Amino acid sequence: MLKDNGIQKVKLFDAEESVLKALAGSGIEVMVAISNDQLADMTHYDRAKKWVQRNITHYNFDGGVNIK
């Protein structure tokens, strides 16, 4: 539906696996945001790195997800 409507980029407010799977291989650019209550934790590099590993790099689907 997104591609049919010419949408090339989406911003997600959660790294939901089913949504990322649906976008895998679509060519749609995906930006994943964090919730406001997580902002304080992201000032610590190690915590931010773990969040990215758990919520972003963890998703290595066939076709990949174009995450920016």
Protein backbone atom coordinates (compact mmCIF):
# COMPACT_ATOMS: atom_id res chain seq x y z
CA MET A 1 0.00 0.00 0.00
CA LEU A 2 2.83 2.41 0.82
CA LYS A 3 4.60 1.80 -2.48
CA ASP A 4 1.30 1.98 -4.38
CA ASN A 5 0.85 5.49 -2.97
CA GLY A 6 4.37 6.59 -3.88
CA ILE A 7 5.63 6.68 -0.30
CA GLN A 8 9.41 6.33 -0.25
CA LYS A 9 10.17 7.03 3.42
CA VAL A 10 8.49 6.19 6.71
CA LYS A 11 9.23 7.06 10.32
CA LEU A 12 8.46 4.45 12.94
CA PHE A 13 8.11 5.19 16.62
CA ASP A 14 8.90 1.63 17.64
CA ALA A 15 11.11 -1.13 16.23
CA GLU A 16 8.23 -3.58 15.87
CA GLU A 17 9.43 -6.81 14.25
CA SER A 18 6.28 -7.44 12.18
CA VAL A 19 6.43 -3.93 10.69
CA LEU A 20 10.13 -4.23 9.88
CA LYS A 21 9.50 -7.62 8.28
CA ALA A 22 6.74 -6.11 6.15
CA LEU A 23 9.11 -3.36 4.97
CA ALA A 24 12.01 -5.74 4.24
CA GLY A 25 12.94 -5.69 0.57
CA SER A 26 10.45 -2.92 -0.20
CA GLY A 27 13.07 -0.29 -0.96
CA ILE A 28 11.27 2.09 1.38
CA GLU A 29 13.63 4.07 3.61
CA VAL A 30 12.83 3.56 7.30
CA MET A 31 13.71 5.87 10.20
CA VAL A 32 13.21 4.37 13.64
CA ALA A 33 12.69 6.75 16.57
CA ILE A 34 12.74 6.13 20.29
CA SER A 35 10.11 7.15 22.79
CA ASN A 36 10.62 10.21 24.97
CA ASP A 37 11.01 8.11 28.11
CA GLN A 38 14.10 6.48 26.54
CA LEU A 39 15.90 9.73 25.69
CA ALA A 40 17.81 9.99 28.98
CA ASP A 41 19.25 6.49 28.49
CA MET A 42 20.50 7.35 25.02
CA THR A 43 22.99 9.87 26.43
CA HIS A 44 25.08 6.86 27.47
CA TYR A 45 26.89 5.36 24.48
CA ASP A 46 26.81 1.75 25.70
CA ARG A 47 23.06 1.86 26.38
CA ALA A 48 22.38 3.45 22.99
CA LYS A 49 24.58 0.86 21.27
CA LYS A 50 22.73 -1.99 22.99
CA TRP A 51 19.36 -0.50 21.98
CA VAL A 52 20.49 -0.33 18.34
CA GLN A 53 21.79 -3.91 18.44
CA ARG A 54 18.59 -5.19 20.04
CA ASN A 55 16.12 -3.15 17.98
CA ILE A 56 17.82 -2.43 14.65
CA THR A 57 20.79 -4.60 13.68
CA HIS A 58 18.97 -7.62 15.11
CA TYR A 59 16.68 -7.49 12.06
CA ASN A 60 18.69 -9.01 9.24
CA PHE A 61 15.87 -10.14 6.96
CA ASP A 62 16.22 -11.41 3.41
CA GLY A 63 16.11 -8.33 1.22
CA GLY A 64 17.08 -6.20 4.20
CA VAL A 65 15.40 -3.16 5.63
CA ASN A 66 16.68 0.21 4.41
CA ILE A 67 17.11 1.80 7.85
CA LYS A 68 18.60 5.26 8.11
